[in-house]
Amino acid sequence: MHSQQQEAFIAGLNHALYFFGGVPLNIKLDNLKSGVKKANRYDPEFTDLMMSFSDHFGLNCTTARVAKPKDKPHVEGAVLTSYRRIYAPLRNKFYYSLSALNAAILSQLEVHHSMRFQNKPDTRNGMFATEKLLLRPLPDKPFEKYCVVQAKVRKNYHVQLGQDKHFYSVPYQLIGKTLKVVYTQDTVEIYDQLTRVAFHQRISRSYGYTSVKEHMPVNHQHHNEQRGWDSD
């Protein structure tokens, strides 16, 4: 996850369920504020986004008791094992993009899942193949929270997504207009009334710029070509 904010937290849960290939009956949360408004042993209060997520997948949310690690001993042990077998082998290597790091983690994860248990004649992959039969089918679409804001196109033909303080380009002919910005955890779509005028992958880098060549005036395109380097 990029952070522990609600959107990133829900996106992480989405990816987990689709990685498992099915939906369990319950999810137990560790009272993270991104998912739990108020911790309570008998009647915890979940965030609205977490409730929408559980309704979408048809699962039940529960919480562990505060400061009671015995409520989730297998998870605590799995975290320690994961650090030793997945993160530790990668700690001295260098990765220059998040996608490259994720690919390395997935490769190491598969190695971990294929290792036999110390006291059992099976692997984690083998055990999960049996347990997966108990999962319910996934819905047709993952859960996504759509947010809609209005933004005015600046003189540099970019609009700012205030949530991330990041700028996205639109066709320069729209300078001065107020457009509708629809964004999710991963994408940013920009509309002039009912017409979509731009589509970008969402970037969380504050005060950065995501620009498309076709959105630029001709003289700006020539300037970029002559410079030969982008701002990054």
C-alpha atoms as a PDB file:
ATOM      1  CA  MET A   1       0.000   0.000   0.000  1.00  0.00           C
ATOM      2  CA  HIS A   2       1.115   3.573  -0.635  1.00  0.00           C
ATOM      3  CA  SER A   3      -0.051   4.537   2.868  1.00  0.00           C
ATOM      4  CA  GLN A   4      -2.475   3.512   5.621  1.00  0.00           C
ATOM      5  CA  GLN A   5      -5.147   5.990   4.540  1.00  0.00           C
ATOM      6  CA  GLN A   6      -8.627   4.605   3.914  1.00  0.00           C
ATOM      7  CA  GLU A   7      -8.377   4.444   0.119  1.00  0.00           C
ATOM      8  CA  ALA A   8      -5.030   2.635   0.163  1.00  0.00           C
ATOM      9  CA  PHE A   9      -6.207   0.297   2.937  1.00  0.00           C
ATOM     10  CA  ILE A  10      -9.328  -0.723   1.003  1.00  0.00           C
ATOM     11  CA  ALA A  11      -7.310  -1.138  -2.192  1.00  0.00           C
ATOM     12  CA  GLY A  12      -4.966  -3.475  -0.289  1.00  0.00           C
ATOM     13  CA  LEU A  13      -7.916  -5.591   0.871  1.00  0.00           C
ATOM     14  CA  ASN A  14      -9.234  -5.675  -2.703  1.00  0.00           C
ATOM     15  CA  HIS A  15      -5.898  -6.930  -4.016  1.00  0.00           C
ATOM     16  CA  ALA A  16      -5.705  -9.530  -1.246  1.00  0.00           C
ATOM     17  CA  LEU A  17      -9.103 -11.070  -2.017  1.00  0.00           C
ATOM     18  CA  TYR A  18      -8.384 -11.234  -5.733  1.00  0.00           C
ATOM     19  CA  PHE A  19      -4.950 -12.727  -5.001  1.00  0.00           C
ATOM     20  CA  PHE A  20      -6.638 -15.435  -2.892  1.00  0.00           C
ATOM     21  CA  GLY A  21      -9.204 -15.994  -5.648  1.00  0.00           C
ATOM     22  CA  GLY A  22     -12.250 -16.013  -3.367  1.00  0.00           C
ATOM     23  CA  VAL A  23     -14.150 -14.389  -0.510  1.00  0.00           C
ATOM     24  CA  PRO A  24     -14.017 -15.665   3.112  1.00  0.00           C
ATOM     25  CA  LEU A  25     -16.919 -15.413   5.553  1.00  0.00           C
ATOM     26  CA  ASN A  26     -15.061 -13.063   7.905  1.00  0.00           C
ATOM     27  CA  ILE A  27     -12.252 -10.536   7.988  1.00  0.00           C
ATOM     28  CA  LYS A  28     -10.671  -9.721  11.352  1.00  0.00           C
ATOM     29  CA  LEU A  29      -9.228  -6.206  11.633  1.00  0.00           C
ATOM     30  CA  ASP A  30      -6.557  -5.076  14.060  1.00  0.00           C
ATOM     31  CA  ASN A  31      -8.404  -1.842  14.981  1.00  0.00           C
ATOM     32  CA  LEU A  32      -6.608   0.216  12.343  1.00  0.00           C
ATOM     33  CA  LYS A  33      -8.306   3.614  12.134  1.00  0.00           C
ATOM     34  CA  SER A  34      -8.636   3.245   8.371  1.00  0.00           C
ATOM     35  CA  GLY A  35     -11.188   0.495   8.995  1.00  0.00           C
ATOM     36  CA  VAL A  36     -12.419   0.872  12.580  1.00  0.00           C
ATOM     37  CA  LYS A  37     -14.002   4.051  13.972  1.00  0.00           C
ATOM     38  CA  LYS A  38     -14.401   2.805  17.520  1.00  0.00           C
ATOM     39  CA  ALA A  39     -12.919  -0.341  18.998  1.00  0.00           C
ATOM     40  CA  ASN A  40     -15.191  -2.437  21.200  1.00  0.00           C
ATOM     41  CA  ARG A  41     -14.961  -6.064  22.237  1.00  0.00           C
ATOM     42  CA  TYR A  42     -18.633  -6.788  21.495  1.00  0.00           C
ATOM     43  CA  ASP A  43     -19.876  -4.061  19.140  1.00  0.00           C
ATOM     44  CA  PRO A  44     -17.073  -2.300  17.223  1.00  0.00           C
ATOM     45  CA  GLU A  45     -17.944   0.586  14.909  1.00  0.00           C
ATOM     46  CA  PHE A  46     -16.477   0.431  11.383  1.00  0.00           C
ATOM     47  CA  THR A  47     -15.870   3.258   8.923  1.00  0.00           C
ATOM     48  CA  ASP A  48     -18.485   3.878   6.233  1.00  0.00           C
ATOM     49  CA  LEU A  49     -16.007   2.862   3.541  1.00  0.00           C
ATOM     50  CA  MET A  50     -15.244  -0.403   5.331  1.00  0.00           C
ATOM     51  CA  MET A  51     -18.966  -1.147   5.619  1.00  0.00           C
ATOM     52  CA  SER A  52     -19.447  -0.476   1.900  1.00  0.00           C
ATOM     53  CA  PHE A  53     -16.528  -2.797   1.152  1.00  0.00           C
ATOM     54  CA  SER A  54     -18.007  -5.611   3.296  1.00  0.00           C
ATOM     55  CA  ASP A  55     -21.431  -5.177   1.651  1.00  0.00           C
ATOM     56  CA  HIS A  56     -19.868  -5.360  -1.818  1.00  0.00           C
ATOM     57  CA  PHE A  57     -18.160  -8.684  -1.065  1.00  0.00           C
ATOM     58  CA  GLY A  58     -20.847 -10.037   1.281  1.00  0.00           C
ATOM     59  CA  LEU A  59     -18.480 -10.704   4.163  1.00  0.00           C
ATOM     60  CA  ASN A  60     -18.555 -10.013   7.895  1.00  0.00           C
ATOM     61  CA  CYS A  61     -16.059  -7.740   9.681  1.00  0.00           C
ATOM     62  CA  THR A  62     -14.801  -8.462  13.173  1.00  0.00           C
ATOM     63  CA  THR A  63     -11.997  -6.974  15.273  1.00  0.00           C
ATOM     64  CA  ALA A  64      -9.339  -8.311  17.583  1.00  0.00           C
ATOM     65  CA  ARG A  65      -9.365  -7.000  21.149  1.00  0.00           C
ATOM     66  CA  VAL A  66      -7.126  -4.026  21.761  1.00  0.00           C
ATOM     67  CA  ALA A  67      -3.654  -5.041  23.015  1.00  0.00           C
ATOM     68  CA  LYS A  68      -4.560  -8.750  22.876  1.00  0.00           C
ATOM     69  CA  PRO A  69      -2.084 -10.398  20.460  1.00  0.00           C
ATOM     70  CA  LYS A  70      -3.427 -13.836  21.458  1.00  0.00           C
ATOM     71  CA  ASP A  71      -6.551 -13.007  19.419  1.00  0.00           C
ATOM     72  CA  LYS A  72      -4.440 -13.360  16.277  1.00  0.00           C
ATOM     73  CA  PRO A  73      -1.410 -15.545  17.116  1.00  0.00           C
ATOM     74  CA  HIS A  74      -1.134 -17.070  13.634  1.00  0.00           C
ATOM     75  CA  VAL A  75      -1.008 -13.603  12.071  1.00  0.00           C
ATOM     76  CA  GLU A  76       1.669 -12.397  14.489  1.00  0.00           C
ATOM     77  CA  GLY A  77       3.779 -15.454  13.701  1.00  0.00           C
ATOM     78  CA  ALA A  78       3.213 -15.118   9.956  1.00  0.00           C
ATOM     79  CA  VAL A  79       4.394 -11.498  10.010  1.00  0.00           C
ATOM     80  CA  LEU A  80       7.675 -12.512  11.654  1.00  0.00           C
ATOM     81  CA  THR A  81       8.170 -15.386   9.211  1.00  0.00           C
ATOM     82  CA  SER A  82       7.403 -13.107   6.256  1.00  0.00           C
ATOM     83  CA  TYR A  83      10.043 -10.610   7.312  1.00  0.00           C
ATOM     84  CA  ARG A  84      12.622 -13.369   7.651  1.00  0.00           C
ATOM     85  CA  ARG A  85      11.858 -15.195   4.400  1.00  0.00           C
ATOM     86  CA  ILE A  86      10.590 -12.451   2.089  1.00  0.00           C
ATOM     87  CA  TYR A  87      12.017  -9.073   3.142  1.00  0.00           C
ATOM     88  CA  ALA A  88      15.337 -10.173   4.647  1.00  0.00           C
ATOM     89  CA  PRO A  89      16.648 -11.788   1.398  1.00  0.00           C
ATOM     90  CA  LEU A  90      15.880  -8.519  -0.445  1.00  0.00           C
ATOM     91  CA  ARG A  91      17.267  -6.073   2.111  1.00  0.00           C
ATOM     92  CA  ASN A  92      20.605  -5.479   0.381  1.00  0.00           C
ATOM     93  CA  LYS A  93      19.234  -5.190  -3.151  1.00  0.00           C
ATOM     94  CA  PHE A  94      18.276  -1.998  -4.989  1.00  0.00           C
ATOM     95  CA  TYR A  95      15.022  -1.414  -6.892  1.00  0.00           C
ATOM     96  CA  TYR A  96      14.255   1.724  -8.852  1.00  0.00           C
ATOM     97  CA  SER A  97      10.482   1.383  -9.208  1.00  0.00           C
ATOM     98  CA  LEU A  98       7.615   0.102  -7.118  1.00  0.00           C
ATOM     99  CA  SER A  99       6.668  -2.418  -9.823  1.00  0.00           C
ATOM    100  CA  ALA A 100      10.168  -3.933  -9.764  1.00  0.00           C
ATOM    101  CA  LEU A 101      10.089  -4.197  -5.970  1.00  0.00           C
ATOM    102  CA  ASN A 102       6.631  -5.810  -6.038  1.00  0.00           C
ATOM    103  CA  ALA A 103       7.803  -8.343  -8.633  1.00  0.00           C
ATOM    104  CA  ALA A 104      10.748  -9.294  -6.411  1.00  0.00           C
ATOM    105  CA  ILE A 105       8.465  -9.639  -3.376  1.00  0.00           C
ATOM    106  CA  LEU A 106       6.049 -11.885  -5.308  1.00  0.00           C
ATOM    107  CA  SER A 107       8.936 -14.073  -6.467  1.00  0.00           C
ATOM    108  CA  GLN A 108      10.221 -14.428  -2.906  1.00  0.00           C
ATOM    109  CA  LEU A 109       6.667 -15.055  -1.675  1.00  0.00           C
ATOM    110  CA  GLU A 110       6.323 -18.001  -4.040  1.00  0.00           C
ATOM    111  CA  VAL A 111       9.596 -19.446  -2.722  1.00  0.00           C
ATOM    112  CA  HIS A 112       8.253 -19.114   0.820  1.00  0.00           C
ATOM    113  CA  HIS A 113       4.917 -20.737  -0.059  1.00  0.00           C
ATOM    114  CA  SER A 114       6.679 -23.667  -1.748  1.00  0.00           C
ATOM    115  CA  MET A 115       8.842 -24.525   1.280  1.00  0.00           C
ATOM    116  CA  ARG A 116       7.752 -27.509   3.380  1.00  0.00           C
ATOM    117  CA  PHE A 117       6.712 -26.986   6.986  1.00  0.00           C
ATOM    118  CA  GLN A 118       9.194 -28.162   9.591  1.00  0.00           C
ATOM    119  CA  ASN A 119       6.802 -30.645  11.210  1.00  0.00           C
ATOM    120  CA  LYS A 120       4.330 -31.310   8.372  1.00  0.00           C
ATOM    121  CA  PRO A 121       4.733 -33.103   5.034  1.00  0.00           C
ATOM    122  CA  ASP A 122       3.076 -30.257   3.130  1.00  0.00           C
ATOM    123  CA  THR A 123       3.664 -26.711   1.867  1.00  0.00           C
ATOM    124  CA  ARG A 124       1.585 -23.559   2.295  1.00  0.00           C
ATOM    125  CA  ASN A 125       0.570 -23.822  -1.364  1.00  0.00           C
ATOM    126  CA  GLY A 126      -0.631 -27.370  -0.758  1.00  0.00           C
ATOM    127  CA  MET A 127      -2.680 -26.427   2.315  1.00  0.00           C
ATOM    128  CA  PHE A 128      -4.230 -23.408   0.595  1.00  0.00           C
ATOM    129  CA  ALA A 129      -5.326 -25.523  -2.381  1.00  0.00           C
ATOM    130  CA  THR A 130      -7.628 -27.372   0.047  1.00  0.00           C
ATOM    131  CA  GLU A 131      -8.761 -24.298   1.971  1.00  0.00           C
ATOM    132  CA  LYS A 132      -9.514 -22.356  -1.226  1.00  0.00           C
ATOM    133  CA  LEU A 133     -12.460 -24.684  -1.865  1.00  0.00           C
ATOM    134  CA  LEU A 134     -14.204 -23.063   1.120  1.00  0.00           C
ATOM    135  CA  LEU A 135     -13.993 -19.547  -0.322  1.00  0.00           C
ATOM    136  CA  ARG A 136     -17.033 -18.043  -2.017  1.00  0.00           C
ATOM    137  CA  PRO A 137     -16.815 -16.670  -5.588  1.00  0.00           C
ATOM    138  CA  LEU A 138     -15.579 -13.142  -6.146  1.00  0.00           C
ATOM    139  CA  PRO A 139     -18.003 -10.504  -7.468  1.00  0.00           C
ATOM    140  CA  ASP A 140     -17.759  -9.473 -11.118  1.00  0.00           C
ATOM    141  CA  LYS A 141     -15.963  -6.225 -10.263  1.00  0.00           C
ATOM    142  CA  PRO A 142     -13.631  -5.191  -7.433  1.00  0.00           C
ATOM    143  CA  PHE A 143     -14.841  -2.594  -4.969  1.00  0.00           C
ATOM    144  CA  GLU A 144     -13.861   0.937  -5.926  1.00  0.00           C
ATOM    145  CA  LYS A 145     -14.523   4.231  -4.235  1.00  0.00           C
ATOM    146  CA  TYR A 146     -15.123   6.976  -6.769  1.00  0.00           C
ATOM    147  CA  CYS A 147     -14.539  10.566  -5.674  1.00  0.00           C
ATOM    148  CA  VAL A 148     -15.686  13.572  -7.696  1.00  0.00           C
ATOM    149  CA  VAL A 149     -14.284  17.104  -7.384  1.00  0.00           C
ATOM    150  CA  GLN A 150     -14.289  20.271  -9.504  1.00  0.00           C
ATOM    151  CA  ALA A 151     -11.006  21.818 -10.634  1.00  0.00           C
ATOM    152  CA  LYS A 152     -10.152  24.850 -12.746  1.00  0.00           C
ATOM    153  CA  VAL A 153      -7.627  24.448 -15.555  1.00  0.00           C
ATOM    154  CA  ARG A 154      -4.572  26.598 -14.887  1.00  0.00           C
ATOM    155  CA  LYS A 155      -2.624  28.606 -17.432  1.00  0.00           C
ATOM    156  CA  ASN A 156      -0.181  25.707 -17.746  1.00  0.00           C
ATOM    157  CA  TYR A 157      -3.146  23.480 -18.912  1.00  0.00           C
ATOM    158  CA  HIS A 158      -3.023  21.333 -15.756  1.00  0.00           C
ATOM    159  CA  VAL A 159      -5.573  20.772 -13.011  1.00  0.00           C
ATOM    160  CA  GLN A 160      -4.627  20.017  -9.420  1.00  0.00           C
ATOM    161  CA  LEU A 161      -6.019  17.044  -7.542  1.00  0.00           C
ATOM    162  CA  GLY A 162      -6.080  18.535  -4.072  1.00  0.00           C
ATOM    163  CA  GLN A 163      -6.158  15.134  -2.365  1.00  0.00           C
ATOM    164  CA  ASP A 164      -2.567  14.482  -3.468  1.00  0.00           C
ATOM    165  CA  LYS A 165      -1.491  18.029  -4.463  1.00  0.00           C
ATOM    166  CA  HIS A 166      -0.516  16.556  -7.845  1.00  0.00           C
ATOM    167  CA  PHE A 167      -1.124  18.148 -11.257  1.00  0.00           C
ATOM    168  CA  TYR A 168      -2.577  16.424 -14.357  1.00  0.00           C
ATOM    169  CA  SER A 169      -2.654  17.767 -17.905  1.00  0.00           C
ATOM    170  CA  VAL A 170      -5.708  18.392 -20.094  1.00  0.00           C
ATOM    171  CA  PRO A 171      -5.893  19.761 -23.659  1.00  0.00           C
ATOM    172  CA  TYR A 172      -4.550  23.329 -23.595  1.00  0.00           C
ATOM    173  CA  GLN A 173      -7.704  24.611 -25.347  1.00  0.00           C
ATOM    174  CA  LEU A 174      -9.536  24.126 -22.003  1.00  0.00           C
ATOM    175  CA  ILE A 175      -7.431  26.671 -20.066  1.00  0.00           C
ATOM    176  CA  GLY A 176      -9.670  28.640 -17.702  1.00  0.00           C
ATOM    177  CA  LYS A 177     -12.557  26.162 -17.699  1.00  0.00           C
ATOM    178  CA  THR A 178     -13.809  24.343 -14.603  1.00  0.00           C
ATOM    179  CA  LEU A 179     -13.792  20.571 -15.177  1.00  0.00           C
ATOM    180  CA  LYS A 180     -15.026  17.545 -13.289  1.00  0.00           C
ATOM    181  CA  VAL A 181     -12.324  15.235 -11.906  1.00  0.00           C
ATOM    182  CA  VAL A 182     -13.333  11.649 -11.086  1.00  0.00           C
ATOM    183  CA  TYR A 183     -10.652   9.662  -9.297  1.00  0.00           C
ATOM    184  CA  THR A 184     -10.142   6.286  -7.661  1.00  0.00           C
ATOM    185  CA  GLN A 185      -7.173   4.755  -5.878  1.00  0.00           C
ATOM    186  CA  ASP A 186      -5.446   4.097  -9.217  1.00  0.00           C
ATOM    187  CA  THR A 187      -6.885   6.381 -11.918  1.00  0.00           C
ATOM    188  CA  VAL A 188      -7.822  10.012 -12.616  1.00  0.00           C
ATOM    189  CA  GLU A 189     -10.439  10.872 -15.255  1.00  0.00           C
ATOM    190  CA  ILE A 190     -11.196  14.462 -16.230  1.00  0.00           C
ATOM    191  CA  TYR A 191     -14.468  15.501 -17.884  1.00  0.00           C
ATOM    192  CA  ASP A 192     -15.677  18.604 -19.688  1.00  0.00           C
ATOM    193  CA  GLN A 193     -19.399  18.204 -18.990  1.00  0.00           C
ATOM    194  CA  LEU A 194     -20.097  14.671 -20.345  1.00  0.00           C
ATOM    195  CA  THR A 195     -16.957  14.366 -22.484  1.00  0.00           C
ATOM    196  CA  ARG A 196     -13.853  12.738 -21.038  1.00  0.00           C
ATOM    197  CA  VAL A 197     -10.890  14.888 -22.029  1.00  0.00           C
ATOM    198  CA  ALA A 198      -8.070  13.188 -20.088  1.00  0.00           C
ATOM    199  CA  PHE A 199      -7.211   9.915 -18.405  1.00  0.00           C
ATOM    200  CA  HIS A 200      -4.184   9.412 -16.150  1.00  0.00           C
ATOM    201  CA  GLN A 201      -2.776   6.868 -13.751  1.00  0.00           C
ATOM    202  CA  ARG A 202      -3.007   8.398 -10.299  1.00  0.00           C
ATOM    203  CA  ILE A 203       0.306   9.576  -8.826  1.00  0.00           C
ATOM    204  CA  SER A 204       0.653  10.448  -5.144  1.00  0.00           C
ATOM    205  CA  ARG A 205       3.816  12.598  -5.509  1.00  0.00           C
ATOM    206  CA  SER A 206       3.022  16.031  -4.063  1.00  0.00           C
ATOM    207  CA  TYR A 207       3.516  19.007  -6.400  1.00  0.00           C
ATOM    208  CA  GLY A 208       4.543  16.726  -9.246  1.00  0.00           C
ATOM    209  CA  TYR A 209       3.230  16.938 -12.818  1.00  0.00           C
ATOM    210  CA  THR A 210       1.779  14.229 -15.046  1.00  0.00           C
ATOM    211  CA  SER A 211       1.645  15.513 -18.623  1.00  0.00           C
ATOM    212  CA  VAL A 212       0.582  14.090 -21.975  1.00  0.00           C
ATOM    213  CA  LYS A 213       2.350  15.383 -25.077  1.00  0.00           C
ATOM    214  CA  GLU A 214      -0.867  15.697 -27.066  1.00  0.00           C
ATOM    215  CA  HIS A 215      -2.260  18.123 -24.462  1.00  0.00           C
ATOM    216  CA  MET A 216       0.544  20.639 -25.054  1.00  0.00           C
ATOM    217  CA  PRO A 217       0.608  23.551 -27.514  1.00  0.00           C
ATOM    218  CA  VAL A 218       2.903  22.894 -30.476  1.00  0.00           C
ATOM    219  CA  ASN A 219       5.643  25.215 -29.210  1.00  0.00           C
ATOM    220  CA  HIS A 220       5.717  23.394 -25.857  1.00  0.00           C
ATOM    221  CA  GLN A 221       5.987  20.046 -27.633  1.00  0.00           C
ATOM    222  CA  HIS A 222       8.990  21.315 -29.626  1.00  0.00           C
ATOM    223  CA  HIS A 223      10.611  22.685 -26.481  1.00  0.00           C
ATOM    224  CA  ASN A 224      10.330  19.284 -24.751  1.00  0.00           C
ATOM    225  CA  GLU A 225      11.753  17.487 -27.784  1.00  0.00           C
ATOM    226  CA  GLN A 226      14.741  19.829 -27.953  1.00  0.00           C
ATOM    227  CA  ARG A 227      15.395  19.506 -24.221  1.00  0.00           C
ATOM    228  CA  GLY A 228      15.512  15.717 -24.461  1.00  0.00           C
ATOM    229  CA  TRP A 229      14.866  15.149 -20.746  1.00  0.00           C
ATOM    230  CA  ASP A 230      11.679  15.148 -18.716  1.00  0.00           C
ATOM    231  CA  SER A 231      11.437  16.871 -15.336  1.00  0.00           C
ATOM    232  CA  ASP A 232      12.075  13.612 -13.429  1.00  0.00           C
END
